[in-house]
Amino acid sequence: MAPRFAPRRALGRTGFVATAIGQGDLADRSVPFDRCVAVLRRALDAGVNVVDTAPMYEDGYSEEIVGAALRGRREGVFLVDKIDHLEEPVAPQLDESLRRLGLPAVDLLALHSCSTPEAWEKASAPGGALAQVGEEVRRGRARFRGISSHHPEVLLRALESGLCDVVMFPLGPFVVRPYLTEVLPRAKALGVGTICFKTFGAGKLLGDTEGYGRPLSARPRGKLSSGGTDAAAPSLPRLDVATCVRYTLTCDPDVALLGLSFENEQDAAWAAAEAFRPMSAVEMNDARRDAWEAVKDKGEAWWNPPRG
């Protein structure tokens, strides 16, 4: 059966032509290993050619899943892995990642959550984490270097430094505006690849959760027709998958990285991507307004930097 998705755009200056959507973190120790591997292979069968992982995702479980899924089908897949501990030596961390993956190299090695100006200054200094990633590129254990960040100012500094081939950052109906209005256009102007996440706001936009399936610590109770209340009833506003996917694809990053852990989640997101048509300015504003309503009372949005 022909793949559902075909590569459509060069990922910055890497020369890799990527699909509009990528497969994000896939790791849940409550789900059998083989099931997780099968879900990722299902994405590859659909033509998705960007896969993301990191050591911290379930303590290496994600890397093990990715390595198993890519066995025998590594060619043509852009593999993103990360360095979690920015002030510790990079080489030993990459040693362990490659061991879990069972691979000799990754495509993009990114600094994970480099999200304060202070962290960026240390990481980008001579001999810092980014220079060490550059050494791994020279050694052939990675092809490109970059950062994942939850801070627009850090991303802008990274772009101006010329040290990053790809930047990874939040982009969806609920993110602060500079990601869209400043970071994304500057990256495009400089030829730096963009891989974006938080389309679903860590799940907050789709359901009653504080993020990644965690239950609300203080859940508003829903009203019953009898006039009473039901503490278990879904009671908070939410968006649908199609709106979230359509919003992010309208923003037009090189790749929208979607966290899709089960077949039904894949099907819903893929259907939205296949039916994509750009939103109008009015529709974009409506989606942002609804998203701000949907995240109320659902805990911190840690991907938006503190204000003031």
C-alpha atoms as a PDB file:
ATOM      1  CA  MET A   1       0.000   0.000   0.000  1.00  0.00           C
ATOM      2  CA  ALA A   2       1.355   3.428  -0.917  1.00  0.00           C
ATOM      3  CA  PRO A   3       2.471   5.654   2.000  1.00  0.00           C
ATOM      4  CA  ARG A   4      -0.024   8.278   3.133  1.00  0.00           C
ATOM      5  CA  PHE A   5       2.632  10.998   3.417  1.00  0.00           C
ATOM      6  CA  ALA A   6       5.400  12.094   1.095  1.00  0.00           C
ATOM      7  CA  PRO A   7       8.390  14.332   1.873  1.00  0.00           C
ATOM      8  CA  ARG A   8       7.582  17.923   0.980  1.00  0.00           C
ATOM      9  CA  ARG A   9      10.262  20.378   2.207  1.00  0.00           C
ATOM     10  CA  ALA A  10      13.984  20.597   2.875  1.00  0.00           C
ATOM     11  CA  LEU A  11      14.673  20.718   6.600  1.00  0.00           C
ATOM     12  CA  GLY A  12      16.568  23.988   6.642  1.00  0.00           C
ATOM     13  CA  ARG A  13      20.046  23.623   5.178  1.00  0.00           C
ATOM     14  CA  THR A  14      20.412  19.963   6.159  1.00  0.00           C
ATOM     15  CA  GLY A  15      19.448  18.817   2.675  1.00  0.00           C
ATOM     16  CA  PHE A  16      16.986  16.319   4.124  1.00  0.00           C
ATOM     17  CA  VAL A  17      13.493  16.507   2.636  1.00  0.00           C
ATOM     18  CA  ALA A  18      10.999  15.964   5.449  1.00  0.00           C
ATOM     19  CA  THR A  19       7.356  15.079   5.792  1.00  0.00           C
ATOM     20  CA  ALA A  20       5.131  17.806   7.209  1.00  0.00           C
ATOM     21  CA  ILE A  21       4.545  15.762  10.361  1.00  0.00           C
ATOM     22  CA  GLY A  22       6.962  13.772  12.468  1.00  0.00           C
ATOM     23  CA  GLN A  23       6.554  11.079  15.093  1.00  0.00           C
ATOM     24  CA  GLY A  24       7.300  12.477  18.540  1.00  0.00           C
ATOM     25  CA  ASP A  25       8.118  10.870  21.857  1.00  0.00           C
ATOM     26  CA  LEU A  26       6.748   7.349  21.976  1.00  0.00           C
ATOM     27  CA  ALA A  27       7.345   5.795  25.393  1.00  0.00           C
ATOM     28  CA  ASP A  28       4.961   4.439  27.965  1.00  0.00           C
ATOM     29  CA  ARG A  29       6.194   1.668  30.242  1.00  0.00           C
ATOM     30  CA  SER A  30       2.603   0.630  30.899  1.00  0.00           C
ATOM     31  CA  VAL A  31       2.362  -0.382  27.211  1.00  0.00           C
ATOM     32  CA  PRO A  32       4.154  -3.544  26.018  1.00  0.00           C
ATOM     33  CA  PHE A  33       7.441  -2.867  24.228  1.00  0.00           C
ATOM     34  CA  ASP A  34       6.406  -4.664  21.035  1.00  0.00           C
ATOM     35  CA  ARG A  35       3.200  -2.631  20.873  1.00  0.00           C
ATOM     36  CA  CYS A  36       5.171   0.625  21.065  1.00  0.00           C
ATOM     37  CA  VAL A  37       7.547  -0.575  18.351  1.00  0.00           C
ATOM     38  CA  ALA A  38       4.608  -1.527  16.136  1.00  0.00           C
ATOM     39  CA  VAL A  39       3.037   1.926  16.516  1.00  0.00           C
ATOM     40  CA  LEU A  40       6.267   3.612  15.440  1.00  0.00           C
ATOM     41  CA  ARG A  41       6.684   1.247  12.498  1.00  0.00           C
ATOM     42  CA  ARG A  42       3.130   2.057  11.516  1.00  0.00           C
ATOM     43  CA  ALA A  43       4.164   5.715  11.233  1.00  0.00           C
ATOM     44  CA  LEU A  44       7.143   4.732   9.085  1.00  0.00           C
ATOM     45  CA  ASP A  45       4.850   2.627   6.890  1.00  0.00           C
ATOM     46  CA  ALA A  46       2.660   5.716   6.442  1.00  0.00           C
ATOM     47  CA  GLY A  47       5.682   7.581   5.082  1.00  0.00           C
ATOM     48  CA  VAL A  48       6.510   9.698   8.148  1.00  0.00           C
ATOM     49  CA  ASN A  49      10.278  10.240   7.976  1.00  0.00           C
ATOM     50  CA  VAL A  50      11.186  12.331  11.060  1.00  0.00           C
ATOM     51  CA  VAL A  51      11.438  10.545  14.418  1.00  0.00           C
ATOM     52  CA  ASP A  52      12.250  12.176  17.756  1.00  0.00           C
ATOM     53  CA  THR A  53      13.530  10.697  20.998  1.00  0.00           C
ATOM     54  CA  ALA A  54      15.588  11.609  24.077  1.00  0.00           C
ATOM     55  CA  PRO A  55      17.241   9.771  26.975  1.00  0.00           C
ATOM     56  CA  MET A  56      14.881  11.302  29.545  1.00  0.00           C
ATOM     57  CA  TYR A  57      11.768   9.929  27.864  1.00  0.00           C
ATOM     58  CA  GLU A  58      10.933   7.124  30.283  1.00  0.00           C
ATOM     59  CA  ASP A  59      14.610   6.729  31.245  1.00  0.00           C
ATOM     60  CA  GLY A  60      15.796   5.504  27.866  1.00  0.00           C
ATOM     61  CA  TYR A  61      12.739   3.407  27.037  1.00  0.00           C
ATOM     62  CA  SER A  62      11.908   5.691  24.107  1.00  0.00           C
ATOM     63  CA  GLU A  63      15.391   5.258  22.624  1.00  0.00           C
ATOM     64  CA  GLU A  64      15.099   1.488  22.933  1.00  0.00           C
ATOM     65  CA  ILE A  65      11.741   1.580  21.126  1.00  0.00           C
ATOM     66  CA  VAL A  66      13.092   3.817  18.370  1.00  0.00           C
ATOM     67  CA  GLY A  67      16.164   1.640  17.885  1.00  0.00           C
ATOM     68  CA  ALA A  68      14.061  -1.504  17.557  1.00  0.00           C
ATOM     69  CA  ALA A  69      11.613   0.154  15.149  1.00  0.00           C
ATOM     70  CA  LEU A  70      14.413   1.450  12.907  1.00  0.00           C
ATOM     71  CA  ARG A  71      16.241  -1.857  12.736  1.00  0.00           C
ATOM     72  CA  GLY A  72      16.486  -2.695   9.050  1.00  0.00           C
ATOM     73  CA  ARG A  73      14.828   0.556   7.962  1.00  0.00           C
ATOM     74  CA  ARG A  74      17.160   3.335   9.118  1.00  0.00           C
ATOM     75  CA  GLU A  75      17.731   4.731   5.625  1.00  0.00           C
ATOM     76  CA  GLY A  76      15.585   7.723   4.730  1.00  0.00           C
ATOM     77  CA  VAL A  77      14.636   8.542   8.329  1.00  0.00           C
ATOM     78  CA  PHE A  78      15.808  11.727  10.055  1.00  0.00           C
ATOM     79  CA  LEU A  79      16.490  10.707  13.638  1.00  0.00           C
ATOM     80  CA  VAL A  80      16.548  13.344  16.371  1.00  0.00           C
ATOM     81  CA  ASP A  81      18.118  12.601  19.745  1.00  0.00           C
ATOM     82  CA  LYS A  82      19.129  14.926  22.553  1.00  0.00           C
ATOM     83  CA  ILE A  83      21.609  15.735  25.285  1.00  0.00           C
ATOM     84  CA  ASP A  84      19.662  16.106  28.529  1.00  0.00           C
ATOM     85  CA  HIS A  85      22.365  17.285  30.942  1.00  0.00           C
ATOM     86  CA  LEU A  86      23.856  20.432  29.460  1.00  0.00           C
ATOM     87  CA  GLU A  87      26.612  20.930  32.045  1.00  0.00           C
ATOM     88  CA  GLU A  88      27.890  17.352  31.904  1.00  0.00           C
ATOM     89  CA  PRO A  89      30.237  15.943  29.218  1.00  0.00           C
ATOM     90  CA  VAL A  90      28.394  15.198  26.000  1.00  0.00           C
ATOM     91  CA  ALA A  91      30.329  12.151  24.767  1.00  0.00           C
ATOM     92  CA  PRO A  92      29.357   9.764  27.614  1.00  0.00           C
ATOM     93  CA  GLN A  93      25.714  10.788  27.291  1.00  0.00           C
ATOM     94  CA  LEU A  94      25.783  10.080  23.569  1.00  0.00           C
ATOM     95  CA  ASP A  95      27.574   6.783  24.208  1.00  0.00           C
ATOM     96  CA  GLU A  96      24.600   5.617  26.249  1.00  0.00           C
ATOM     97  CA  SER A  97      22.034   6.883  23.751  1.00  0.00           C
ATOM     98  CA  LEU A  98      23.705   5.092  20.853  1.00  0.00           C
ATOM     99  CA  ARG A  99      23.921   1.928  22.941  1.00  0.00           C
ATOM    100  CA  ARG A 100      20.193   2.008  23.659  1.00  0.00           C
ATOM    101  CA  LEU A 101      19.404   2.824  20.026  1.00  0.00           C
ATOM    102  CA  GLY A 102      21.764   0.159  18.717  1.00  0.00           C
ATOM    103  CA  LEU A 103      22.955   2.627  16.089  1.00  0.00           C
ATOM    104  CA  PRO A 104      26.322   4.216  15.236  1.00  0.00           C
ATOM    105  CA  ALA A 105      24.963   7.744  14.768  1.00  0.00           C
ATOM    106  CA  VAL A 106      21.948  10.048  14.831  1.00  0.00           C
ATOM    107  CA  ASP A 107      21.032  12.789  12.415  1.00  0.00           C
ATOM    108  CA  LEU A 108      20.302  15.707  14.737  1.00  0.00           C
ATOM    109  CA  LEU A 109      21.864  15.898  18.188  1.00  0.00           C
ATOM    110  CA  ALA A 110      20.092  18.696  20.029  1.00  0.00           C
ATOM    111  CA  LEU A 111      20.585  20.241  23.443  1.00  0.00           C
ATOM    112  CA  HIS A 112      17.418  19.359  25.319  1.00  0.00           C
ATOM    113  CA  SER A 113      15.363  22.141  26.896  1.00  0.00           C
ATOM    114  CA  CYS A 114      18.027  24.832  26.753  1.00  0.00           C
ATOM    115  CA  SER A 115      15.459  27.269  28.049  1.00  0.00           C
ATOM    116  CA  THR A 116      17.095  30.126  29.944  1.00  0.00           C
ATOM    117  CA  PRO A 117      19.508  32.789  28.685  1.00  0.00           C
ATOM    118  CA  GLU A 118      21.989  31.632  31.325  1.00  0.00           C
ATOM    119  CA  ALA A 119      21.825  28.036  30.109  1.00  0.00           C
ATOM    120  CA  TRP A 120      22.380  29.205  26.545  1.00  0.00           C
ATOM    121  CA  GLU A 121      25.419  31.302  27.487  1.00  0.00           C
ATOM    122  CA  LYS A 122      27.060  28.322  29.169  1.00  0.00           C
ATOM    123  CA  ALA A 123      26.113  25.861  26.438  1.00  0.00           C
ATOM    124  CA  SER A 124      27.318  28.104  23.599  1.00  0.00           C
ATOM    125  CA  ALA A 125      30.606  29.130  25.250  1.00  0.00           C
ATOM    126  CA  PRO A 126      33.909  27.706  23.950  1.00  0.00           C
ATOM    127  CA  GLY A 127      34.158  24.137  25.158  1.00  0.00           C
ATOM    128  CA  GLY A 128      30.490  24.120  26.189  1.00  0.00           C
ATOM    129  CA  ALA A 129      27.849  21.560  25.312  1.00  0.00           C
ATOM    130  CA  LEU A 130      27.223  22.902  21.819  1.00  0.00           C
ATOM    131  CA  ALA A 131      30.932  22.835  20.959  1.00  0.00           C
ATOM    132  CA  GLN A 132      31.064  19.250  22.232  1.00  0.00           C
ATOM    133  CA  VAL A 133      28.098  18.366  19.992  1.00  0.00           C
ATOM    134  CA  GLY A 134      30.079  19.911  17.139  1.00  0.00           C
ATOM    135  CA  GLU A 135      32.909  17.524  17.971  1.00  0.00           C
ATOM    136  CA  GLU A 136      30.491  14.607  17.751  1.00  0.00           C
ATOM    137  CA  VAL A 137      29.489  15.848  14.297  1.00  0.00           C
ATOM    138  CA  ARG A 138      33.154  15.829  13.289  1.00  0.00           C
ATOM    139  CA  ARG A 139      33.485  12.313  14.690  1.00  0.00           C
ATOM    140  CA  GLY A 140      30.546  11.174  12.580  1.00  0.00           C
ATOM    141  CA  ARG A 141      28.303  10.243  15.496  1.00  0.00           C
ATOM    142  CA  ALA A 142      25.830  12.988  14.544  1.00  0.00           C
ATOM    143  CA  ARG A 143      25.237  14.847  11.306  1.00  0.00           C
ATOM    144  CA  PHE A 144      23.792  18.121  12.613  1.00  0.00           C
ATOM    145  CA  ARG A 145      23.518  20.073  15.839  1.00  0.00           C
ATOM    146  CA  GLY A 146      20.807  22.235  17.328  1.00  0.00           C
ATOM    147  CA  ILE A 147      18.739  23.025  20.392  1.00  0.00           C
ATOM    148  CA  SER A 148      15.306  22.360  21.788  1.00  0.00           C
ATOM    149  CA  SER A 149      14.114  25.358  23.779  1.00  0.00           C
ATOM    150  CA  HIS A 150      11.115  26.786  25.608  1.00  0.00           C
ATOM    151  CA  HIS A 151      12.262  30.394  25.428  1.00  0.00           C
ATOM    152  CA  PRO A 152      11.937  32.649  22.351  1.00  0.00           C
ATOM    153  CA  GLU A 153      14.883  34.868  23.344  1.00  0.00           C
ATOM    154  CA  VAL A 154      17.171  31.848  23.664  1.00  0.00           C
ATOM    155  CA  LEU A 155      16.067  30.631  20.258  1.00  0.00           C
ATOM    156  CA  LEU A 156      16.745  34.003  18.675  1.00  0.00           C
ATOM    157  CA  ARG A 157      20.228  34.061  20.207  1.00  0.00           C
ATOM    158  CA  ALA A 158      20.837  30.538  18.948  1.00  0.00           C
ATOM    159  CA  LEU A 159      19.758  31.512  15.452  1.00  0.00           C
ATOM    160  CA  GLU A 160      22.017  34.566  15.385  1.00  0.00           C
ATOM    161  CA  SER A 161      24.974  32.529  16.665  1.00  0.00           C
ATOM    162  CA  GLY A 162      25.116  30.436  13.504  1.00  0.00           C
ATOM    163  CA  LEU A 163      25.817  27.368  15.644  1.00  0.00           C
ATOM    164  CA  CYS A 164      22.536  25.517  15.022  1.00  0.00           C
ATOM    165  CA  ASP A 165      21.410  23.635  11.921  1.00  0.00           C
ATOM    166  CA  VAL A 166      17.941  22.987  13.391  1.00  0.00           C
ATOM    167  CA  VAL A 167      15.958  24.571  16.216  1.00  0.00           C
ATOM    168  CA  MET A 168      13.090  22.869  18.012  1.00  0.00           C
ATOM    169  CA  PHE A 169      10.400  24.882  19.800  1.00  0.00           C
ATOM    170  CA  PRO A 170       6.682  25.027  20.713  1.00  0.00           C
ATOM    171  CA  LEU A 171       4.200  26.011  18.040  1.00  0.00           C
ATOM    172  CA  GLY A 172       0.467  25.487  18.410  1.00  0.00           C
ATOM    173  CA  PRO A 173      -2.729  27.259  19.411  1.00  0.00           C
ATOM    174  CA  PHE A 174      -1.442  27.832  22.949  1.00  0.00           C
ATOM    175  CA  VAL A 175       2.070  29.285  22.838  1.00  0.00           C
ATOM    176  CA  VAL A 176       3.362  32.807  23.377  1.00  0.00           C
ATOM    177  CA  ARG A 177       3.330  34.794  20.136  1.00  0.00           C
ATOM    178  CA  PRO A 178       7.093  35.366  19.648  1.00  0.00           C
ATOM    179  CA  TYR A 179       7.571  31.700  18.701  1.00  0.00           C
ATOM    180  CA  LEU A 180       5.400  32.366  15.653  1.00  0.00           C
ATOM    181  CA  THR A 181       6.059  36.028  14.920  1.00  0.00           C
ATOM    182  CA  GLU A 182       9.818  36.197  15.598  1.00  0.00           C
ATOM    183  CA  VAL A 183      11.506  32.794  15.903  1.00  0.00           C
ATOM    184  CA  LEU A 184       9.898  30.992  12.974  1.00  0.00           C
ATOM    185  CA  PRO A 185      10.414  33.748  10.356  1.00  0.00           C
ATOM    186  CA  ARG A 186      13.981  34.376  11.508  1.00  0.00           C
ATOM    187  CA  ALA A 187      14.825  30.687  11.234  1.00  0.00           C
ATOM    188  CA  LYS A 188      13.404  30.574   7.727  1.00  0.00           C
ATOM    189  CA  ALA A 189      15.361  33.686   6.718  1.00  0.00           C
ATOM    190  CA  LEU A 190      18.597  32.088   7.933  1.00  0.00           C
ATOM    191  CA  GLY A 191      17.947  28.663   6.429  1.00  0.00           C
ATOM    192  CA  VAL A 192      17.797  26.943   9.817  1.00  0.00           C
ATOM    193  CA  GLY A 193      15.483  23.962  10.064  1.00  0.00           C
ATOM    194  CA  THR A 194      12.423  24.134  12.299  1.00  0.00           C
ATOM    195  CA  ILE A 195      10.917  21.161  14.114  1.00  0.00           C
ATOM    196  CA  CYS A 196       7.996  22.223  16.286  1.00  0.00           C
ATOM    197  CA  PHE A 197       6.088  20.569  19.107  1.00  0.00           C
ATOM    198  CA  LYS A 198       3.252  21.259  21.581  1.00  0.00           C
ATOM    199  CA  THR A 199       0.578  21.198  18.875  1.00  0.00           C
ATOM    200  CA  PHE A 200      -1.778  19.690  21.467  1.00  0.00           C
ATOM    201  CA  GLY A 201      -0.371  21.642  24.410  1.00  0.00           C
ATOM    202  CA  ALA A 202       0.908  18.442  26.057  1.00  0.00           C
ATOM    203  CA  GLY A 203      -2.676  17.159  25.848  1.00  0.00           C
ATOM    204  CA  LYS A 204      -4.158  20.109  27.749  1.00  0.00           C
ATOM    205  CA  LEU A 205      -5.997  21.315  24.643  1.00  0.00           C
ATOM    206  CA  LEU A 206      -7.654  17.930  24.076  1.00  0.00           C
ATOM    207  CA  GLY A 207      -8.680  16.871  27.567  1.00  0.00           C
ATOM    208  CA  ASP A 208      -8.784  17.514  31.289  1.00  0.00           C
ATOM    209  CA  THR A 209      -5.112  16.979  32.152  1.00  0.00           C
ATOM    210  CA  GLU A 210      -2.179  18.886  33.566  1.00  0.00           C
ATOM    211  CA  GLY A 211      -0.116  17.499  30.696  1.00  0.00           C
ATOM    212  CA  TYR A 212       0.954  14.137  29.254  1.00  0.00           C
ATOM    213  CA  GLY A 213      -2.016  12.354  30.783  1.00  0.00           C
ATOM    214  CA  ARG A 214      -1.448  13.494  34.361  1.00  0.00           C
ATOM    215  CA  PRO A 215      -4.771  14.012  36.162  1.00  0.00           C
ATOM    216  CA  LEU A 216      -5.747  17.471  37.325  1.00  0.00           C
ATOM    217  CA  SER A 217      -4.708  18.091  40.913  1.00  0.00           C
ATOM    218  CA  ALA A 218      -7.745  20.319  41.513  1.00  0.00           C
ATOM    219  CA  ARG A 219     -10.483  19.340  39.081  1.00  0.00           C
ATOM    220  CA  PRO A 220     -13.596  21.531  38.742  1.00  0.00           C
ATOM    221  CA  ARG A 221     -16.717  19.439  39.126  1.00  0.00           C
ATOM    222  CA  GLY A 222     -19.212  19.159  36.285  1.00  0.00           C
ATOM    223  CA  LYS A 223     -22.899  19.922  36.691  1.00  0.00           C
ATOM    224  CA  LEU A 224     -25.448  17.122  36.497  1.00  0.00           C
ATOM    225  CA  SER A 225     -28.912  17.462  35.010  1.00  0.00           C
ATOM    226  CA  SER A 226     -30.295  16.655  38.463  1.00  0.00           C
ATOM    227  CA  GLY A 227     -28.701  19.830  39.781  1.00  0.00           C
ATOM    228  CA  GLY A 228     -25.892  18.069  41.636  1.00  0.00           C
ATOM    229  CA  THR A 229     -22.242  17.771  40.644  1.00  0.00           C
ATOM    230  CA  ASP A 230     -20.036  14.983  39.337  1.00  0.00           C
ATOM    231  CA  ALA A 231     -16.338  15.191  40.200  1.00  0.00           C
ATOM    232  CA  ALA A 232     -15.470  12.739  37.407  1.00  0.00           C
ATOM    233  CA  ALA A 233     -17.371  14.442  34.605  1.00  0.00           C
ATOM    234  CA  PRO A 234     -15.327  16.229  31.918  1.00  0.00           C
ATOM    235  CA  SER A 235     -16.094  19.861  32.595  1.00  0.00           C
ATOM    236  CA  LEU A 236     -13.430  22.020  30.999  1.00  0.00           C
ATOM    237  CA  PRO A 237     -13.261  23.486  27.472  1.00  0.00           C
ATOM    238  CA  ARG A 238     -11.204  21.677  24.871  1.00  0.00           C
ATOM    239  CA  LEU A 239     -10.208  21.797  21.197  1.00  0.00           C
ATOM    240  CA  ASP A 240     -10.287  18.935  18.740  1.00  0.00           C
ATOM    241  CA  VAL A 241      -7.342  17.250  17.037  1.00  0.00           C
ATOM    242  CA  ALA A 242      -8.194  18.671  13.628  1.00  0.00           C
ATOM    243  CA  THR A 243      -8.150  22.272  14.863  1.00  0.00           C
ATOM    244  CA  CYS A 244      -4.795  21.836  16.601  1.00  0.00           C
ATOM    245  CA  VAL A 245      -3.129  20.133  13.646  1.00  0.00           C
ATOM    246  CA  ARG A 246      -4.585  22.579  11.172  1.00  0.00           C
ATOM    247  CA  TYR A 247      -3.370  25.540  13.234  1.00  0.00           C
ATOM    248  CA  THR A 248       0.217  24.296  13.441  1.00  0.00           C
ATOM    249  CA  LEU A 249       0.389  23.342   9.770  1.00  0.00           C
ATOM    250  CA  THR A 250      -0.933  26.799   8.862  1.00  0.00           C
ATOM    251  CA  CYS A 251       1.998  28.288  10.789  1.00  0.00           C
ATOM    252  CA  ASP A 252       4.148  26.259   8.355  1.00  0.00           C
ATOM    253  CA  PRO A 253       7.176  24.944  10.264  1.00  0.00           C
ATOM    254  CA  ASP A 254       9.377  22.503   8.376  1.00  0.00           C
ATOM    255  CA  VAL A 255       8.062  19.673  10.586  1.00  0.00           C
ATOM    256  CA  ALA A 256       5.223  19.482  13.107  1.00  0.00           C
ATOM    257  CA  LEU A 257       6.276  16.868  15.641  1.00  0.00           C
ATOM    258  CA  LEU A 258       3.203  15.095  17.009  1.00  0.00           C
ATOM    259  CA  GLY A 259       3.201  12.857  20.067  1.00  0.00           C
ATOM    260  CA  LEU A 260       1.135   9.895  18.855  1.00  0.00           C
ATOM    261  CA  SER A 261       1.360   6.885  21.149  1.00  0.00           C
ATOM    262  CA  PHE A 262      -1.538   4.764  19.875  1.00  0.00           C
ATOM    263  CA  GLU A 263      -3.049   3.830  16.540  1.00  0.00           C
ATOM    264  CA  ASN A 264      -6.251   5.798  17.111  1.00  0.00           C
ATOM    265  CA  GLU A 265      -4.214   8.914  17.952  1.00  0.00           C
ATOM    266  CA  GLN A 266      -2.224   8.464  14.748  1.00  0.00           C
ATOM    267  CA  ASP A 267      -5.379   8.031  12.678  1.00  0.00           C
ATOM    268  CA  ALA A 268      -7.001  11.191  14.028  1.00  0.00           C
ATOM    269  CA  ALA A 269      -3.893  13.338  13.484  1.00  0.00           C
ATOM    270  CA  TRP A 270      -3.141  11.852  10.071  1.00  0.00           C
ATOM    271  CA  ALA A 271      -6.677  12.452   8.878  1.00  0.00           C
ATOM    272  CA  ALA A 272      -6.365  16.097   9.934  1.00  0.00           C
ATOM    273  CA  ALA A 273      -3.037  16.428   8.120  1.00  0.00           C
ATOM    274  CA  GLU A 274      -4.391  14.843   4.947  1.00  0.00           C
ATOM    275  CA  ALA A 275      -7.439  17.131   4.953  1.00  0.00           C
ATOM    276  CA  PHE A 276      -5.345  20.223   5.682  1.00  0.00           C
ATOM    277  CA  ARG A 277      -6.262  23.596   4.273  1.00  0.00           C
ATOM    278  CA  PRO A 278      -4.754  26.781   5.708  1.00  0.00           C
ATOM    279  CA  MET A 279      -6.700  28.684   8.327  1.00  0.00           C
ATOM    280  CA  SER A 280      -7.721  32.268   7.709  1.00  0.00           C
ATOM    281  CA  ALA A 281      -6.504  34.994  10.066  1.00  0.00           C
ATOM    282  CA  VAL A 282      -9.908  34.970  11.737  1.00  0.00           C
ATOM    283  CA  GLU A 283      -9.794  31.205  12.229  1.00  0.00           C
ATOM    284  CA  MET A 284      -6.288  31.455  13.682  1.00  0.00           C
ATOM    285  CA  ASN A 285      -7.429  34.071  16.184  1.00  0.00           C
ATOM    286  CA  ASP A 286     -10.452  31.961  17.094  1.00  0.00           C
ATOM    287  CA  ALA A 287      -8.242  28.920  17.696  1.00  0.00           C
ATOM    288  CA  ARG A 288      -5.908  30.917  19.937  1.00  0.00           C
ATOM    289  CA  ARG A 289      -8.848  32.313  21.905  1.00  0.00           C
ATOM    290  CA  ASP A 290     -10.342  28.855  22.379  1.00  0.00           C
ATOM    291  CA  ALA A 291      -6.953  27.436  23.352  1.00  0.00           C
ATOM    292  CA  TRP A 292      -6.494  29.984  26.122  1.00  0.00           C
ATOM    293  CA  GLU A 293      -9.893  28.988  27.476  1.00  0.00           C
ATOM    294  CA  ALA A 294      -9.028  25.299  27.198  1.00  0.00           C
ATOM    295  CA  VAL A 295      -5.874  25.493  29.314  1.00  0.00           C
ATOM    296  CA  LYS A 296      -7.398  27.373  32.237  1.00  0.00           C
ATOM    297  CA  ASP A 297      -7.312  25.399  35.480  1.00  0.00           C
ATOM    298  CA  LYS A 298      -5.016  22.789  33.905  1.00  0.00           C
ATOM    299  CA  GLY A 299      -1.748  23.712  35.561  1.00  0.00           C
ATOM    300  CA  GLU A 300       1.411  25.390  34.316  1.00  0.00           C
ATOM    301  CA  ALA A 301       2.208  25.735  30.611  1.00  0.00           C
ATOM    302  CA  TRP A 302       5.939  25.208  31.153  1.00  0.00           C
ATOM    303  CA  TRP A 303       6.772  25.795  27.507  1.00  0.00           C
ATOM    304  CA  ASN A 304       5.886  29.488  27.791  1.00  0.00           C
ATOM    305  CA  PRO A 305       8.656  31.461  29.547  1.00  0.00           C
ATOM    306  CA  PRO A 306       7.764  33.453  32.655  1.00  0.00           C
ATOM    307  CA  ARG A 307       6.712  37.016  32.002  1.00  0.00           C
ATOM    308  CA  GLY A 308       8.267  40.108  33.533  1.00  0.00           C
END
